N, C-alpha and C. Protein backbone atom coordinates (compact mmCIF):
# COMPACT_ATOMS: atom_id res chain seq x y z
N MET A 1 23.14 -231.74 -71.91
CA MET A 1 24.03 -231.12 -70.87
C MET A 1 25.02 -230.54 -71.62
N ARG A 2 25.48 -229.19 -71.24
CA ARG A 2 26.27 -228.49 -71.83
C ARG A 2 27.88 -228.88 -71.35
N ALA A 3 29.04 -229.01 -72.12
CA ALA A 3 30.18 -229.43 -71.59
C ALA A 3 30.88 -228.23 -70.66
N SER A 4 31.58 -228.55 -69.88
CA SER A 4 32.27 -227.64 -68.93
C SER A 4 33.04 -226.61 -69.61
N TYR A 5 33.58 -226.99 -70.81
CA TYR A 5 34.54 -226.13 -71.73
C TYR A 5 34.26 -226.57 -73.14
N GLN A 6 35.00 -225.53 -73.83
CA GLN A 6 34.99 -225.71 -75.43
C GLN A 6 36.23 -225.67 -76.06
N VAL A 7 36.27 -225.93 -77.13
CA VAL A 7 37.82 -225.89 -77.80
C VAL A 7 37.50 -225.60 -79.09
N LEU A 8 38.58 -224.72 -79.73
CA LEU A 8 38.44 -224.09 -80.90
C LEU A 8 39.88 -224.56 -81.63
N VAL A 9 39.64 -225.39 -82.74
CA VAL A 9 40.69 -225.79 -83.42
C VAL A 9 40.86 -224.96 -84.78
N ILE A 10 41.98 -224.43 -85.19
CA ILE A 10 42.11 -223.56 -86.26
C ILE A 10 42.98 -224.27 -87.19
N PRO A 11 42.49 -225.41 -88.34
CA PRO A 11 43.42 -226.06 -88.99
C PRO A 11 44.02 -225.21 -90.19
N PHE A 12 45.28 -225.40 -90.25
CA PHE A 12 46.06 -224.58 -91.23
C PHE A 12 47.18 -225.62 -91.94
N ARG A 13 47.68 -224.97 -93.12
CA ARG A 13 48.75 -225.69 -93.62
C ARG A 13 49.65 -224.63 -94.26
N ARG A 14 51.05 -224.73 -93.86
CA ARG A 14 51.86 -223.69 -94.37
C ARG A 14 52.51 -224.23 -95.78
N THR A 15 52.44 -223.07 -96.69
CA THR A 15 53.20 -223.31 -98.10
C THR A 15 54.44 -222.70 -98.08
N LEU A 16 55.24 -222.71 -99.14
CA LEU A 16 56.31 -221.80 -99.11
C LEU A 16 56.05 -220.10 -99.12
N SER A 17 54.88 -220.00 -99.60
CA SER A 17 54.57 -218.55 -99.75
C SER A 17 53.50 -218.15 -98.76
N GLU A 18 52.60 -218.89 -98.16
CA GLU A 18 51.60 -218.44 -97.49
C GLU A 18 50.80 -219.53 -96.40
N LEU A 19 50.04 -219.25 -95.56
CA LEU A 19 49.24 -219.98 -94.87
C LEU A 19 48.04 -220.29 -95.42
N LYS A 20 47.52 -221.55 -95.44
CA LYS A 20 46.10 -222.01 -95.63
C LYS A 20 45.38 -222.28 -94.67
N PHE A 21 44.01 -221.83 -94.67
CA PHE A 21 43.22 -222.09 -93.32
C PHE A 21 42.34 -222.91 -93.83
N ALA A 22 41.56 -224.13 -93.09
CA ALA A 22 40.40 -224.69 -93.30
C ALA A 22 39.29 -224.27 -92.67
N VAL A 23 38.28 -223.84 -93.30
CA VAL A 23 37.08 -223.39 -92.47
C VAL A 23 35.87 -224.35 -92.98
N LEU A 24 35.08 -224.87 -92.07
CA LEU A 24 34.15 -225.81 -92.27
C LEU A 24 32.77 -225.20 -92.49
N ARG A 25 31.91 -225.71 -93.53
CA ARG A 25 30.49 -225.33 -93.41
C ARG A 25 29.69 -226.48 -92.74
N ARG A 26 28.90 -225.83 -91.87
CA ARG A 26 27.92 -226.60 -91.12
C ARG A 26 26.89 -227.40 -91.96
N THR A 27 26.66 -228.64 -91.64
CA THR A 27 25.78 -229.34 -92.49
C THR A 27 24.35 -228.62 -92.27
N GLY A 28 23.52 -228.29 -93.51
CA GLY A 28 22.31 -227.81 -93.57
C GLY A 28 22.19 -226.49 -92.97
N GLU A 29 23.36 -225.88 -92.96
CA GLU A 29 23.37 -224.29 -92.66
C GLU A 29 24.09 -223.60 -93.43
N CYS A 30 23.73 -222.18 -93.46
CA CYS A 30 24.88 -221.37 -94.15
C CYS A 30 25.68 -220.68 -93.38
N MET A 31 26.50 -221.40 -92.65
CA MET A 31 27.42 -221.06 -91.53
C MET A 31 28.80 -221.78 -91.62
N TRP A 32 29.66 -221.14 -91.58
CA TRP A 32 31.19 -221.52 -91.75
C TRP A 32 31.80 -221.32 -90.31
N GLN A 33 32.64 -222.21 -89.88
CA GLN A 33 33.41 -222.26 -88.60
C GLN A 33 34.80 -223.19 -88.76
N PHE A 34 35.52 -222.73 -87.61
CA PHE A 34 36.75 -223.68 -87.44
C PHE A 34 36.21 -224.89 -86.66
N VAL A 35 36.99 -226.10 -86.36
CA VAL A 35 36.62 -227.17 -85.68
C VAL A 35 36.26 -226.74 -84.25
N SER A 36 35.20 -227.10 -83.64
CA SER A 36 34.93 -226.63 -82.21
C SER A 36 34.19 -227.89 -81.80
N GLY A 37 34.24 -227.79 -80.28
CA GLY A 37 33.24 -228.66 -79.44
C GLY A 37 33.75 -228.61 -78.21
N GLY A 38 32.93 -229.43 -77.44
CA GLY A 38 32.98 -229.51 -75.78
C GLY A 38 33.91 -230.55 -75.32
N GLY A 39 34.62 -230.35 -74.21
CA GLY A 39 35.25 -231.19 -73.57
C GLY A 39 34.48 -232.35 -72.91
N GLU A 40 34.89 -233.72 -73.07
CA GLU A 40 34.29 -234.79 -72.47
C GLU A 40 34.68 -235.41 -71.27
N ASP A 41 34.01 -235.85 -70.56
CA ASP A 41 34.52 -236.70 -69.14
C ASP A 41 35.85 -236.03 -68.47
N ALA A 42 36.64 -236.76 -68.60
CA ALA A 42 38.12 -236.24 -67.89
C ALA A 42 39.09 -235.86 -68.90
N GLU A 43 38.80 -235.87 -70.29
CA GLU A 43 39.70 -235.45 -71.13
C GLU A 43 40.16 -233.97 -70.94
N SER A 44 41.60 -233.75 -71.45
CA SER A 44 42.31 -232.55 -71.33
C SER A 44 41.80 -231.90 -72.65
N PRO A 45 42.01 -230.38 -72.61
CA PRO A 45 41.45 -229.80 -73.70
C PRO A 45 42.33 -230.14 -74.96
N VAL A 46 43.72 -230.36 -74.84
CA VAL A 46 44.37 -230.99 -75.91
C VAL A 46 43.68 -232.20 -76.50
N GLU A 47 43.29 -233.28 -75.58
CA GLU A 47 42.65 -234.44 -76.09
C GLU A 47 41.33 -233.90 -76.81
N ALA A 48 40.66 -233.01 -76.27
CA ALA A 48 39.42 -232.76 -76.73
C ALA A 48 39.61 -232.04 -78.12
N ALA A 49 40.78 -231.28 -78.29
CA ALA A 49 40.95 -230.66 -79.59
C ALA A 49 41.28 -231.88 -80.61
N GLN A 50 42.07 -232.93 -80.25
CA GLN A 50 42.28 -233.88 -81.04
C GLN A 50 41.19 -234.62 -81.65
N ARG A 51 40.48 -234.98 -80.59
CA ARG A 51 39.22 -235.77 -80.78
C ARG A 51 38.26 -235.03 -81.74
N GLU A 52 37.94 -233.61 -81.48
CA GLU A 52 37.08 -232.87 -82.30
C GLU A 52 37.65 -232.76 -83.77
N MET A 53 38.85 -232.60 -83.99
CA MET A 53 39.74 -232.60 -85.33
C MET A 53 39.43 -234.03 -85.91
N ARG A 54 39.43 -235.18 -85.30
CA ARG A 54 39.37 -236.24 -86.00
C ARG A 54 37.84 -236.59 -86.41
N GLU A 55 37.01 -236.11 -85.48
CA GLU A 55 35.48 -236.30 -85.53
C GLU A 55 34.99 -235.40 -86.91
N GLU A 56 35.45 -234.27 -86.85
CA GLU A 56 35.13 -233.37 -87.84
C GLU A 56 35.64 -233.25 -89.19
N THR A 57 37.19 -233.87 -89.19
CA THR A 57 37.69 -233.73 -90.47
C THR A 57 38.43 -235.25 -90.95
N GLY A 58 38.37 -236.03 -89.91
CA GLY A 58 39.16 -237.25 -90.12
C GLY A 58 40.69 -237.33 -90.24
N LEU A 59 41.10 -236.21 -89.66
CA LEU A 59 42.48 -236.06 -89.63
C LEU A 59 42.99 -236.21 -88.14
N ASP A 60 44.17 -236.88 -87.98
CA ASP A 60 44.94 -237.10 -86.75
C ASP A 60 45.75 -236.25 -86.63
N VAL A 61 45.57 -235.28 -85.60
CA VAL A 61 46.64 -234.35 -85.38
C VAL A 61 47.51 -234.46 -84.33
N GLU A 62 47.63 -235.65 -83.61
CA GLU A 62 48.27 -236.02 -82.38
C GLU A 62 49.73 -235.48 -82.53
N GLY A 63 50.27 -234.68 -81.58
CA GLY A 63 51.57 -234.03 -81.56
C GLY A 63 51.88 -233.02 -82.46
N ARG A 64 50.89 -232.74 -83.18
CA ARG A 64 51.00 -231.58 -84.30
C ARG A 64 50.00 -230.14 -84.01
N LEU A 65 49.68 -230.15 -82.82
CA LEU A 65 48.92 -229.12 -82.41
C LEU A 65 49.85 -227.99 -81.82
N VAL A 66 49.59 -226.73 -82.13
CA VAL A 66 50.28 -225.41 -81.68
C VAL A 66 49.26 -224.83 -80.71
N ALA A 67 49.65 -224.65 -79.52
CA ALA A 67 48.78 -223.84 -78.52
C ALA A 67 49.04 -222.24 -78.68
N LEU A 68 47.82 -221.80 -78.70
CA LEU A 68 47.89 -220.25 -78.58
C LEU A 68 48.29 -219.73 -77.38
N ASP A 69 49.02 -218.48 -77.35
CA ASP A 69 49.37 -217.77 -75.99
C ASP A 69 48.25 -217.23 -75.28
N ALA A 70 47.05 -217.31 -75.90
CA ALA A 70 45.98 -216.73 -75.21
C ALA A 70 44.84 -217.67 -74.91
N MET A 71 43.81 -217.17 -73.76
CA MET A 71 42.83 -218.09 -73.57
C MET A 71 41.65 -217.23 -73.06
N ALA A 72 40.40 -217.25 -73.44
CA ALA A 72 39.48 -216.34 -73.10
C ALA A 72 38.38 -217.16 -72.43
N THR A 73 37.72 -216.46 -71.58
CA THR A 73 36.49 -217.33 -70.93
C THR A 73 35.33 -216.11 -71.04
N ILE A 74 34.03 -216.54 -71.00
CA ILE A 74 32.89 -215.85 -71.12
C ILE A 74 31.86 -216.40 -70.13
N PRO A 75 31.50 -215.60 -68.99
CA PRO A 75 30.68 -216.15 -68.17
C PRO A 75 29.38 -216.48 -68.61
N LYS A 76 28.93 -217.67 -67.89
CA LYS A 76 27.58 -218.03 -68.53
C LYS A 76 26.40 -217.32 -68.31
N ASN A 77 26.54 -216.15 -67.43
CA ASN A 77 25.56 -215.48 -67.21
C ASN A 77 25.12 -214.61 -68.34
N VAL A 78 25.87 -214.46 -69.24
CA VAL A 78 25.67 -213.69 -70.50
C VAL A 78 24.99 -214.48 -71.51
N PHE A 79 24.77 -215.87 -71.48
CA PHE A 79 23.98 -216.58 -72.29
C PHE A 79 22.42 -216.61 -71.82
N GLU A 80 21.62 -216.58 -72.72
CA GLU A 80 20.11 -216.46 -72.44
C GLU A 80 19.64 -217.81 -71.74
N ASP A 81 20.07 -219.12 -72.33
CA ASP A 81 19.60 -220.26 -72.00
C ASP A 81 20.49 -221.07 -70.90
N ALA A 82 21.42 -220.19 -70.31
CA ALA A 82 22.61 -220.72 -69.37
C ALA A 82 21.93 -221.43 -68.24
N SER A 83 20.64 -221.18 -67.73
CA SER A 83 19.99 -221.65 -66.65
C SER A 83 19.93 -223.38 -66.77
N CYS A 84 19.83 -223.79 -68.12
CA CYS A 84 19.73 -225.00 -68.05
C CYS A 84 21.05 -225.93 -68.17
N TRP A 85 22.14 -225.33 -68.09
CA TRP A 85 23.61 -225.94 -68.24
C TRP A 85 23.89 -226.67 -67.08
N GLY A 86 23.47 -226.38 -65.76
CA GLY A 86 23.81 -227.04 -64.66
C GLY A 86 24.73 -226.16 -63.76
N ASP A 87 25.10 -226.44 -62.45
CA ASP A 87 25.88 -225.66 -61.84
C ASP A 87 27.29 -225.58 -61.96
N ASP A 88 27.88 -226.90 -62.78
CA ASP A 88 29.27 -227.09 -62.73
C ASP A 88 29.80 -226.29 -64.15
N ILE A 89 29.20 -225.68 -64.76
CA ILE A 89 29.43 -224.84 -66.04
C ILE A 89 29.56 -223.51 -65.73
């Protein structure tokens, strides 16, 4: 079952002269991406972002997330396999 929402975490580190971003390579694939995943149960998007970051990198970022000023949604009817996701998505 597909999660009702997805989170995207863009890990970065600021040095004196630049920002450095972490992009992760997916296991077994030639694809790179930021940390991402679906919300579980009754957790908030912030809790989901913290959990995904821990699961995918081993880093605890509690209290260190910076929220973006923008959010985007994509209607499920644009996805070919959306009919199997359930009505709550």
